[in-house]
């Protein structure tokens, strides 16, 4: 799957890009019609520990799924968002299977 990763107000290191790509690729196991994914990473200027914002937008035929998470680290955000997207994709697949049967 093609994953476009964009970082806002900071430079992203290749290790994090690879980590995101690897995690997002797992979503193909749950739904094989994913067209692409857009990932946005942002660091908010706050005194809170949870100042990392991870946003993912999955493009699937006829729709798009969006998840936005605020966490202490981007890795935590990726894991949480991918878990949520897994559930959404499973539901979507079930819904499509029930419509065709």
PDB file of N, CA and C in Angstrom:
ATOM      1  N   UNK A   1       0.844  -1.183   0.000  1.00  0.00           N
ATOM      2  CA  UNK A   1       0.000   0.000   0.000  1.00  0.00           C
ATOM      3  C   UNK A   1       0.891   1.250   0.000  1.00  0.00           C
ATOM      4  N   UNK A   2       0.471   2.245  -0.739  1.00  0.00           N
ATOM      5  CA  UNK A   2       1.201   3.519  -0.796  1.00  0.00           C
ATOM      6  C   UNK A   2       0.817   4.354   0.422  1.00  0.00           C
ATOM      7  N   UNK A   3       1.814   4.741   1.217  1.00  0.00           N
ATOM      8  CA  UNK A   3       1.571   5.576   2.393  1.00  0.00           C
ATOM      9  C   UNK A   3       2.305   6.903   2.210  1.00  0.00           C
ATOM     10  N   UNK A   4       1.551   8.000   2.143  1.00  0.00           N
ATOM     11  CA  UNK A   4       2.142   9.333   2.076  1.00  0.00           C
ATOM     12  C   UNK A   4       2.268   9.865   3.494  1.00  0.00           C
ATOM     13  N   UNK A   5       3.484  10.044   3.970  1.00  0.00           N
ATOM     14  CA  UNK A   5       3.702  10.536   5.328  1.00  0.00           C
ATOM     15  C   UNK A   5       4.179  11.981   5.277  1.00  0.00           C
ATOM     16  N   UNK A   6       3.484  12.846   5.986  1.00  0.00           N
ATOM     17  CA  UNK A   6       3.851  14.256   6.041  1.00  0.00           C
ATOM     18  C   UNK A   6       4.011  14.689   7.493  1.00  0.00           C
ATOM     19  N   UNK A   7       5.108  15.375   7.761  1.00  0.00           N
ATOM     20  CA  UNK A   7       5.315  15.907   9.108  1.00  0.00           C
ATOM     21  C   UNK A   7       5.148  17.420   9.055  1.00  0.00           C
ATOM     22  N   UNK A   8       4.440  17.950  10.032  1.00  0.00           N
ATOM     23  CA  UNK A   8       4.147  19.376  10.081  1.00  0.00           C
ATOM     24  C   UNK A   8       4.986  20.007  11.196  1.00  0.00           C
ATOM     25  N   UNK A   9       5.774  21.005  10.848  1.00  0.00           N
ATOM     26  CA  UNK A   9       6.623  21.773  11.774  1.00  0.00           C
ATOM     27  C   UNK A   9       7.816  21.009  12.359  1.00  0.00           C
ATOM     28  N   UNK A  10       8.194  19.894  11.776  1.00  0.00           N
ATOM     29  CA  UNK A  10       9.415  19.199  12.212  1.00  0.00           C
ATOM     30  C   UNK A  10       9.869  18.239  11.106  1.00  0.00           C
ATOM     31  N   UNK A  11      11.109  17.801  11.198  1.00  0.00           N
ATOM     32  CA  UNK A  11      11.650  16.844  10.225  1.00  0.00           C
ATOM     33  C   UNK A  11      11.489  15.430  10.758  1.00  0.00           C
ATOM     34  N   UNK A  12      10.940  14.578   9.936  1.00  0.00           N
ATOM     35  CA  UNK A  12      10.702  13.189  10.344  1.00  0.00           C
ATOM     36  C   UNK A  12      11.929  12.346   9.991  1.00  0.00           C
ATOM     37  N   UNK A  13      12.297  11.420  10.867  1.00  0.00           N
ATOM     38  CA  UNK A  13      13.438  10.568  10.539  1.00  0.00           C
ATOM     39  C   UNK A  13      12.959   9.303   9.833  1.00  0.00           C
ATOM     40  N   UNK A  14      13.849   8.715   9.046  1.00  0.00           N
ATOM     41  CA  UNK A  14      13.513   7.574   8.193  1.00  0.00           C
ATOM     42  C   UNK A  14      13.029   6.376   9.004  1.00  0.00           C
ATOM     43  N   UNK A  15      13.556   6.214  10.210  1.00  0.00           N
ATOM     44  CA  UNK A  15      13.163   5.099  11.075  1.00  0.00           C
ATOM     45  C   UNK A  15      11.657   5.152  11.372  1.00  0.00           C
ATOM     46  N   UNK A  16      11.154   6.367  11.651  1.00  0.00           N
ATOM     47  CA  UNK A  16       9.729   6.541  11.941  1.00  0.00           C
ATOM     48  C   UNK A  16       8.889   6.312  10.680  1.00  0.00           C
ATOM     49  N   UNK A  17       9.365   6.777   9.537  1.00  0.00           N
ATOM     50  CA  UNK A  17       8.664   6.562   8.258  1.00  0.00           C
ATOM     51  C   UNK A  17       8.533   5.059   8.000  1.00  0.00           C
ATOM     52  N   UNK A  18       9.619   4.314   8.194  1.00  0.00           N
ATOM     53  CA  UNK A  18       9.611   2.861   7.984  1.00  0.00           C
ATOM     54  C   UNK A  18       8.663   2.164   8.951  1.00  0.00           C
ATOM     55  N   UNK A  19       8.658   2.623  10.208  1.00  0.00           N
ATOM     56  CA  UNK A  19       7.782   2.064  11.237  1.00  0.00           C
ATOM     57  C   UNK A  19       6.312   2.244  10.837  1.00  0.00           C
ATOM     58  N   UNK A  20       5.976   3.458  10.388  1.00  0.00           N
ATOM     59  CA  UNK A  20       4.604   3.762   9.971  1.00  0.00           C
ATOM     60  C   UNK A  20       4.213   2.905   8.774  1.00  0.00           C
ATOM     61  N   UNK A  21       5.097   2.809   7.780  1.00  0.00           N
ATOM     62  CA  UNK A  21       4.834   2.008   6.574  1.00  0.00           C
ATOM     63  C   UNK A  21       4.563   0.548   6.942  1.00  0.00           C
ATOM     64  N   UNK A  22       5.411   0.004   7.839  1.00  0.00           N
ATOM     65  CA  UNK A  22       5.284  -1.398   8.254  1.00  0.00           C
ATOM     66  C   UNK A  22       3.938  -1.648   8.946  1.00  0.00           C
ATOM     67  N   UNK A  23       3.567  -0.749   9.862  1.00  0.00           N
ATOM     68  CA  UNK A  23       2.301  -0.904  10.589  1.00  0.00           C
ATOM     69  C   UNK A  23       1.088  -0.748   9.659  1.00  0.00           C
ATOM     70  N   UNK A  24       1.158   0.234   8.772  1.00  0.00           N
ATOM     71  CA  UNK A  24       0.034   0.481   7.857  1.00  0.00           C
ATOM     72  C   UNK A  24      -0.130  -0.673   6.862  1.00  0.00           C
ATOM     73  N   UNK A  25       0.981  -1.310   6.476  1.00  0.00           N
ATOM     74  CA  UNK A  25       0.916  -2.443   5.551  1.00  0.00           C
ATOM     75  C   UNK A  25       0.113  -3.599   6.128  1.00  0.00           C
ATOM     76  N   UNK A  26       0.094  -3.723   7.453  1.00  0.00           N
ATOM     77  CA  UNK A  26      -0.654  -4.804   8.099  1.00  0.00           C
ATOM     78  C   UNK A  26      -2.154  -4.688   7.826  1.00  0.00           C
ATOM     79  N   UNK A  27      -2.619  -3.468   7.527  1.00  0.00           N
ATOM     80  CA  UNK A  27      -4.043  -3.266   7.273  1.00  0.00           C
ATOM     81  C   UNK A  27      -4.501  -3.995   6.015  1.00  0.00           C
ATOM     82  N   UNK A  28      -3.568  -4.249   5.092  1.00  0.00           N
ATOM     83  CA  UNK A  28      -3.903  -4.990   3.871  1.00  0.00           C
ATOM     84  C   UNK A  28      -4.404  -6.405   4.179  1.00  0.00           C
ATOM     85  N   UNK A  29      -4.016  -6.945   5.333  1.00  0.00           N
ATOM     86  CA  UNK A  29      -4.460  -8.284   5.734  1.00  0.00           C
ATOM     87  C   UNK A  29      -5.966  -8.305   6.014  1.00  0.00           C
ATOM     88  N   UNK A  30      -6.505  -7.169   6.443  1.00  0.00           N
ATOM     89  CA  UNK A  30      -7.906  -7.105   6.837  1.00  0.00           C
ATOM     90  C   UNK A  30      -8.826  -6.668   5.698  1.00  0.00           C
ATOM     91  N   UNK A  31      -8.262  -5.908   4.769  1.00  0.00           N
ATOM     92  CA  UNK A  31      -9.077  -5.395   3.664  1.00  0.00           C
ATOM     93  C   UNK A  31      -8.139  -5.138   2.497  1.00  0.00           C
ATOM     94  N   UNK A  32      -8.306  -5.894   1.407  1.00  0.00           N
ATOM     95  CA  UNK A  32      -7.331  -5.831   0.311  1.00  0.00           C
ATOM     96  C   UNK A  32      -7.630  -4.768  -0.748  1.00  0.00           C
ATOM     97  N   UNK A  33      -8.652  -3.952  -0.529  1.00  0.00           N
ATOM     98  CA  UNK A  33      -9.003  -2.942  -1.529  1.00  0.00           C
ATOM     99  C   UNK A  33      -8.575  -1.522  -1.124  1.00  0.00           C
ATOM    100  N   UNK A  34      -7.656  -1.410  -0.181  1.00  0.00           N
ATOM    101  CA  UNK A  34      -7.178  -0.086   0.241  1.00  0.00           C
ATOM    102  C   UNK A  34      -6.379   0.523  -0.909  1.00  0.00           C
ATOM    103  N   UNK A  35      -6.741   1.737  -1.296  1.00  0.00           N
ATOM    104  CA  UNK A  35      -6.076   2.408  -2.410  1.00  0.00           C
ATOM    105  C   UNK A  35      -4.768   3.034  -1.941  1.00  0.00           C
ATOM    106  N   UNK A  36      -4.852   3.854  -0.894  1.00  0.00           N
ATOM    107  CA  UNK A  36      -3.661   4.505  -0.354  1.00  0.00           C
ATOM    108  C   UNK A  36      -3.950   5.064   1.030  1.00  0.00           C
ATOM    109  N   UNK A  37      -2.912   5.546   1.685  1.00  0.00           N
ATOM    110  CA  UNK A  37      -3.078   6.139   3.012  1.00  0.00           C
ATOM    111  C   UNK A  37      -2.298   7.447   3.082  1.00  0.00           C
ATOM    112  N   UNK A  38      -2.909   8.445   3.693  1.00  0.00           N
ATOM    113  CA  UNK A  38      -2.230   9.704   3.977  1.00  0.00           C
ATOM    114  C   UNK A  38      -2.033   9.790   5.478  1.00  0.00           C
ATOM    115  N   UNK A  39      -0.808  10.043   5.902  1.00  0.00           N
ATOM    116  CA  UNK A  39      -0.499  10.137   7.327  1.00  0.00           C
ATOM    117  C   UNK A  39       0.076  11.521   7.610  1.00  0.00           C
ATOM    118  N   UNK A  40      -0.470  12.160   8.639  1.00  0.00           N
ATOM    119  CA  UNK A  40       0.004  13.482   9.041  1.00  0.00           C
ATOM    120  C   UNK A  40       0.500  13.421  10.477  1.00  0.00           C
ATOM    121  N   UNK A  41       1.696  13.923  10.702  1.00  0.00           N
ATOM    122  CA  UNK A  41       2.280  13.957  12.041  1.00  0.00           C
ATOM    123  C   UNK A  41       2.498  15.412  12.430  1.00  0.00           C
ATOM    124  N   UNK A  42       2.085  15.733  13.651  1.00  0.00           N
ATOM    125  CA  UNK A  42       2.208  17.115  14.094  1.00  0.00           C
ATOM    126  C   UNK A  42       2.591  17.150  15.572  1.00  0.00           C
ATOM    127  N   UNK A  43       3.432  18.100  15.932  1.00  0.00           N
ATOM    128  CA  UNK A  43       3.781  18.309  17.343  1.00  0.00           C
ATOM    129  C   UNK A  43       3.128  19.617  17.762  1.00  0.00           C
ATOM    130  N   UNK A  44       2.272  19.533  18.773  1.00  0.00           N
ATOM    131  CA  UNK A  44       1.590  20.738  19.254  1.00  0.00           C
ATOM    132  C   UNK A  44       2.450  21.444  20.295  1.00  0.00           C
ATOM    133  N   UNK A  45       2.426  22.757  20.272  1.00  0.00           N
ATOM    134  CA  UNK A  45       3.196  23.545  21.247  1.00  0.00           C
ATOM    135  C   UNK A  45       2.403  23.711  22.541  1.00  0.00           C
ATOM    136  N   UNK A  46       2.427  22.656  23.357  1.00  0.00           N
ATOM    137  CA  UNK A  46       1.761  22.718  24.661  1.00  0.00           C
ATOM    138  C   UNK A  46       2.705  22.157  25.711  1.00  0.00           C
ATOM    139  N   UNK A  47       2.378  22.393  26.961  1.00  0.00           N
ATOM    140  CA  UNK A  47       3.207  21.860  28.042  1.00  0.00           C
ATOM    141  C   UNK A  47       2.801  20.429  28.396  1.00  0.00           C
ATOM    142  N   UNK A  48       1.733  19.941  27.788  1.00  0.00           N
ATOM    143  CA  UNK A  48       1.268  18.572  28.057  1.00  0.00           C
ATOM    144  C   UNK A  48       2.248  17.556  27.481  1.00  0.00           C
ATOM    145  N   UNK A  49       2.257  16.363  28.101  1.00  0.00           N
ATOM    146  CA  UNK A  49       3.103  15.284  27.587  1.00  0.00           C
ATOM    147  C   UNK A  49       2.528  14.731  26.287  1.00  0.00           C
ATOM    148  N   UNK A  50       1.200  14.700  26.203  1.00  0.00           N
ATOM    149  CA  UNK A  50       0.554  14.174  25.000  1.00  0.00           C
ATOM    150  C   UNK A  50       0.407  15.284  23.971  1.00  0.00           C
ATOM    151  N   UNK A  51       1.526  15.613  23.302  1.00  0.00           N
ATOM    152  CA  UNK A  51       1.493  16.704  22.335  1.00  0.00           C
ATOM    153  C   UNK A  51       1.753  16.241  20.899  1.00  0.00           C
ATOM    154  N   UNK A  52       1.826  14.922  20.686  1.00  0.00           N
ATOM    155  CA  UNK A  52       2.052  14.377  19.345  1.00  0.00           C
ATOM    156  C   UNK A  52       0.699  13.988  18.741  1.00  0.00           C
ATOM    157  N   UNK A  53       0.420  14.512  17.566  1.00  0.00           N
ATOM    158  CA  UNK A  53      -0.846  14.200  16.895  1.00  0.00           C
ATOM    159  C   UNK A  53      -0.554  13.336  15.675  1.00  0.00           C
ATOM    160  N   UNK A  54      -1.201  12.174  15.632  1.00  0.00           N
ATOM    161  CA  UNK A  54      -1.075  11.254  14.509  1.00  0.00           C
ATOM    162  C   UNK A  54      -2.432  11.182  13.833  1.00  0.00           C
ATOM    163  N   UNK A  55      -2.471  11.486  12.540  1.00  0.00           N
ATOM    164  CA  UNK A  55      -3.730  11.420  11.803  1.00  0.00           C
ATOM    165  C   UNK A  55      -3.516  10.569  10.558  1.00  0.00           C
ATOM    166  N   UNK A  56      -4.414   9.613  10.350  1.00  0.00           N
ATOM    167  CA  UNK A  56      -4.322   8.742   9.177  1.00  0.00           C
ATOM    168  C   UNK A  56      -5.630   8.770   8.413  1.00  0.00           C
ATOM    169  N   UNK A  57      -5.531   8.854   7.109  1.00  0.00           N
ATOM    170  CA  UNK A  57      -6.715   8.837   6.242  1.00  0.00           C
ATOM    171  C   UNK A  57      -6.518   7.716   5.228  1.00  0.00           C
ATOM    172  N   UNK A  58      -7.367   6.696   5.315  1.00  0.00           N
ATOM    173  CA  UNK A  58      -7.293   5.567   4.402  1.00  0.00           C
ATOM    174  C   UNK A  58      -8.300   5.762   3.277  1.00  0.00           C
ATOM    175  N   UNK A  59      -7.843   5.641   2.053  1.00  0.00           N
ATOM    176  CA  UNK A  59      -8.747   5.730   0.904  1.00  0.00           C
ATOM    177  C   UNK A  59      -9.123   4.324   0.472  1.00  0.00           C
ATOM    178  N   UNK A  60     -10.433   4.048   0.516  1.00  0.00           N
ATOM    179  CA  UNK A  60     -10.964   2.770   0.059  1.00  0.00           C
ATOM    180  C   UNK A  60     -12.021   3.081  -1.002  1.00  0.00           C
ATOM    181  N   UNK A  61     -12.347   2.128  -1.874  1.00  0.00           N
ATOM    182  CA  UNK A  61     -13.313   2.430  -2.936  1.00  0.00           C
ATOM    183  C   UNK A  61     -14.612   3.032  -2.391  1.00  0.00           C
ATOM    184  N   UNK A  62     -14.927   4.233  -2.854  1.00  0.00           N
ATOM    185  CA  UNK A  62     -16.180   4.888  -2.483  1.00  0.00           C
ATOM    186  C   UNK A  62     -16.213   5.554  -1.121  1.00  0.00           C
ATOM    187  N   UNK A  63     -15.097   5.569  -0.408  1.00  0.00           N
ATOM    188  CA  UNK A  63     -15.117   6.120   0.948  1.00  0.00           C
ATOM    189  C   UNK A  63     -13.698   6.394   1.435  1.00  0.00           C
ATOM    190  N   UNK A  64     -13.600   7.018   2.598  1.00  0.00           N
ATOM    191  CA  UNK A  64     -12.297   7.136   3.259  1.00  0.00           C
ATOM    192  C   UNK A  64     -12.510   7.050   4.761  1.00  0.00           C
ATOM    193  N   UNK A  65     -11.555   6.441   5.433  1.00  0.00           N
ATOM    194  CA  UNK A  65     -11.614   6.269   6.884  1.00  0.00           C
ATOM    195  C   UNK A  65     -10.557   7.178   7.501  1.00  0.00           C
ATOM    196  N   UNK A  66     -10.944   7.918   8.523  1.00  0.00           N
ATOM    197  CA  UNK A  66     -10.013   8.856   9.153  1.00  0.00           C
ATOM    198  C   UNK A  66      -9.912   8.564  10.646  1.00  0.00           C
ATOM    199  N   UNK A  67      -8.679   8.545  11.151  1.00  0.00           N
ATOM    200  CA  UNK A  67      -8.431   8.359  12.577  1.00  0.00           C
ATOM    201  C   UNK A  67      -7.431   9.419  13.011  1.00  0.00           C
ATOM    202  N   UNK A  68      -7.736  10.071  14.141  1.00  0.00           N
ATOM    203  CA  UNK A  68      -6.837  11.092  14.671  1.00  0.00           C
ATOM    204  C   UNK A  68      -6.571  10.765  16.138  1.00  0.00           C
ATOM    205  N   UNK A  69      -5.299  10.679  16.502  1.00  0.00           N
ATOM    206  CA  UNK A  69      -4.923  10.325  17.874  1.00  0.00           C
ATOM    207  C   UNK A  69      -3.892  11.298  18.415  1.00  0.00           C
ATOM    208  N   UNK A  70      -4.026  11.606  19.689  1.00  0.00           N
ATOM    209  CA  UNK A  70      -3.075  12.479  20.382  1.00  0.00           C
ATOM    210  C   UNK A  70      -2.387  11.633  21.448  1.00  0.00           C
ATOM    211  N   UNK A  71      -1.055  11.537  21.375  1.00  0.00           N
ATOM    212  CA  UNK A  71      -0.322  10.649  22.279  1.00  0.00           C
ATOM    213  C   UNK A  71       0.999  11.257  22.737  1.00  0.00           C
ATOM    214  N   UNK A  72       1.698  10.466  23.571  1.00  0.00           N
ATOM    215  CA  UNK A  72       3.012  10.884  24.061  1.00  0.00           C
ATOM    216  C   UNK A  72       4.083  10.681  22.992  1.00  0.00           C
ATOM    217  N   UNK A  73       3.901   9.651  22.153  1.00  0.00           N
ATOM    218  CA  UNK A  73       4.880   9.384  21.084  1.00  0.00           C
ATOM    219  C   UNK A  73       4.142   9.026  19.803  1.00  0.00           C
ATOM    220  N   UNK A  74       4.811   9.218  18.676  1.00  0.00           N
ATOM    221  CA  UNK A  74       4.191   8.890  17.395  1.00  0.00           C
ATOM    222  C   UNK A  74       3.998   7.381  17.252  1.00  0.00           C
ATOM    223  N   UNK A  75       4.934   6.617  17.811  1.00  0.00           N
ATOM    224  CA  UNK A  75       4.809   5.155  17.735  1.00  0.00           C
ATOM    225  C   UNK A  75       3.531   4.686  18.419  1.00  0.00           C
ATOM    226  N   UNK A  76       3.247   5.265  19.588  1.00  0.00           N
ATOM    227  CA  UNK A  76       2.021   4.934  20.321  1.00  0.00           C
ATOM    228  C   UNK A  76       0.800   5.331  19.485  1.00  0.00           C
ATOM    229  N   UNK A  77       0.863   6.486  18.859  1.00  0.00           N
ATOM    230  CA  UNK A  77      -0.226   6.963  18.006  1.00  0.00           C
ATOM    231  C   UNK A  77      -0.463   6.053  16.823  1.00  0.00           C
ATOM    232  N   UNK A  78       0.617   5.599  16.200  1.00  0.00           N
ATOM    233  CA  UNK A  78       0.518   4.687  15.050  1.00  0.00           C
ATOM    234  C   UNK A  78      -0.167   3.393  15.478  1.00  0.00           C
ATOM    235  N   UNK A  79       0.317   2.801  16.565  1.00  0.00           N
ATOM    236  CA  UNK A  79      -0.247   1.527  17.041  1.00  0.00           C
ATOM    237  C   UNK A  79      -1.739   1.656  17.361  1.00  0.00           C
ATOM    238  N   UNK A  80      -2.110   2.712  18.063  1.00  0.00           N
ATOM    239  CA  UNK A  80      -3.507   2.923  18.442  1.00  0.00           C
ATOM    240  C   UNK A  80      -4.374   3.144  17.204  1.00  0.00           C
ATOM    241  N   UNK A  81      -3.908   3.989  16.299  1.00  0.00           N
ATOM    242  CA  UNK A  81      -4.676   4.303  15.087  1.00  0.00           C
ATOM    243  C   UNK A  81      -4.838   3.073  14.199  1.00  0.00           C
ATOM    244  N   UNK A  82      -3.775   2.302  14.044  1.00  0.00           N
ATOM    245  CA  UNK A  82      -3.846   1.092  13.213  1.00  0.00           C
ATOM    246  C   UNK A  82      -4.840   0.103  13.815  1.00  0.00           C
ATOM    247  N   UNK A  83      -4.847  -0.008  15.133  1.00  0.00           N
ATOM    248  CA  UNK A  83      -5.800  -0.898  15.808  1.00  0.00           C
ATOM    249  C   UNK A  83      -7.245  -0.469  15.523  1.00  0.00           C
ATOM    250  N   UNK A  84      -7.506   0.827  15.593  1.00  0.00           N
ATOM    251  CA  UNK A  84      -8.845   1.368  15.316  1.00  0.00           C
ATOM    252  C   UNK A  84      -9.216   1.124  13.852  1.00  0.00           C
ATOM    253  N   UNK A  85      -8.273   1.374  12.949  1.00  0.00           N
ATOM    254  CA  UNK A  85      -8.530   1.167  11.519  1.00  0.00           C
ATOM    255  C   UNK A  85      -8.792  -0.306  11.209  1.00  0.00           C
ATOM    256  N   UNK A  86      -8.102  -1.206  11.904  1.00  0.00           N
ATOM    257  CA  UNK A  86      -8.340  -2.648  11.735  1.00  0.00           C
ATOM    258  C   UNK A  86      -9.801  -2.969  12.004  1.00  0.00           C
ATOM    259  N   UNK A  87     -10.308  -2.459  13.131  1.00  0.00           N
ATOM    260  CA  UNK A  87     -11.708  -2.713  13.502  1.00  0.00           C
ATOM    261  C   UNK A  87     -12.661  -2.140  12.458  1.00  0.00           C
ATOM    262  N   UNK A  88     -12.374  -0.915  11.996  1.00  0.00           N
ATOM    263  CA  UNK A  88     -13.236  -0.285  10.996  1.00  0.00           C
ATOM    264  C   UNK A  88     -13.235  -1.076   9.685  1.00  0.00           C
ATOM    265  N   UNK A  89     -12.062  -1.563   9.287  1.00  0.00           N
ATOM    266  CA  UNK A  89     -11.956  -2.330   8.045  1.00  0.00           C
ATOM    267  C   UNK A  89     -12.670  -3.670   8.160  1.00  0.00           C
ATOM    268  N   UNK A  90     -12.560  -4.319   9.333  1.00  0.00           N
ATOM    269  CA  UNK A  90     -13.264  -5.589   9.547  1.00  0.00           C
ATOM    270  C   UNK A  90     -14.770  -5.382   9.440  1.00  0.00           C
ATOM    271  N   UNK A  91     -15.275  -4.312  10.084  1.00  0.00           N
ATOM    272  CA  UNK A  91     -16.709  -4.004  10.016  1.00  0.00           C
ATOM    273  C   UNK A  91     -17.141  -3.750   8.581  1.00  0.00           C
ATOM    274  N   UNK A  92     -16.333  -2.986   7.863  1.00  0.00           N
ATOM    275  CA  UNK A  92     -16.640  -2.643   6.475  1.00  0.00           C
ATOM    276  C   UNK A  92     -16.709  -3.910   5.618  1.00  0.00           C
ATOM    277  N   UNK A  93     -15.743  -4.800   5.814  1.00  0.00           N
ATOM    278  CA  UNK A  93     -15.684  -6.047   5.048  1.00  0.00           C
ATOM    279  C   UNK A  93     -16.909  -6.921   5.347  1.00  0.00           C
ATOM    280  N   UNK A  94     -17.281  -7.008   6.636  1.00  0.00           N
ATOM    281  CA  UNK A  94     -18.467  -7.784   7.025  1.00  0.00           C
ATOM    282  C   UNK A  94     -19.717  -7.215   6.374  1.00  0.00           C
ATOM    283  N   UNK A  95     -19.822  -5.909   6.393  1.00  0.00           N
ATOM    284  CA  UNK A  95     -20.982  -5.214   5.831  1.00  0.00           C
ATOM    285  C   UNK A  95     -21.104  -5.521   4.328  1.00  0.00           C
ATOM    286  N   UNK A  96     -19.969  -5.465   3.636  1.00  0.00           N
ATOM    287  CA  UNK A  96     -19.961  -5.746   2.188  1.00  0.00           C
ATOM    288  C   UNK A  96     -20.310  -7.197   1.921  1.00  0.00           C
ATOM    289  N   UNK A  97     -19.772  -8.118   2.735  1.00  0.00           N
ATOM    290  CA  UNK A  97     -20.059  -9.550   2.577  1.00  0.00           C
ATOM    291  C   UNK A  97     -21.542  -9.834   2.779  1.00  0.00           C
ATOM    292  N   UNK A  98     -22.172  -9.163   3.763  1.00  0.00           N
ATOM    293  CA  UNK A  98     -23.596  -9.383   4.023  1.00  0.00           C
ATOM    294  C   UNK A  98     -24.463  -8.815   2.906  1.00  0.00           C
ATOM    295  N   UNK A  99     -24.015  -7.740   2.272  1.00  0.00           N
ATOM    296  CA  UNK A  99     -24.783  -7.143   1.184  1.00  0.00           C
ATOM    297  C   UNK A  99     -24.780  -8.023  -0.056  1.00  0.00           C
ATOM    298  N   UNK A 100     -23.676  -8.708  -0.300  1.00  0.00           N
ATOM    299  CA  UNK A 100     -23.558  -9.534  -1.502  1.00  0.00           C
ATOM    300  C   UNK A 100     -24.193 -10.912  -1.328  1.00  0.00           C
ATOM    301  N   UNK A 101     -24.339 -11.371  -0.080  1.00  0.00           N
ATOM    302  CA  UNK A 101     -24.911 -12.705   0.138  1.00  0.00           C
ATOM    303  C   UNK A 101     -26.422 -12.666   0.309  1.00  0.00           C
TER     304      UNK A 101
END
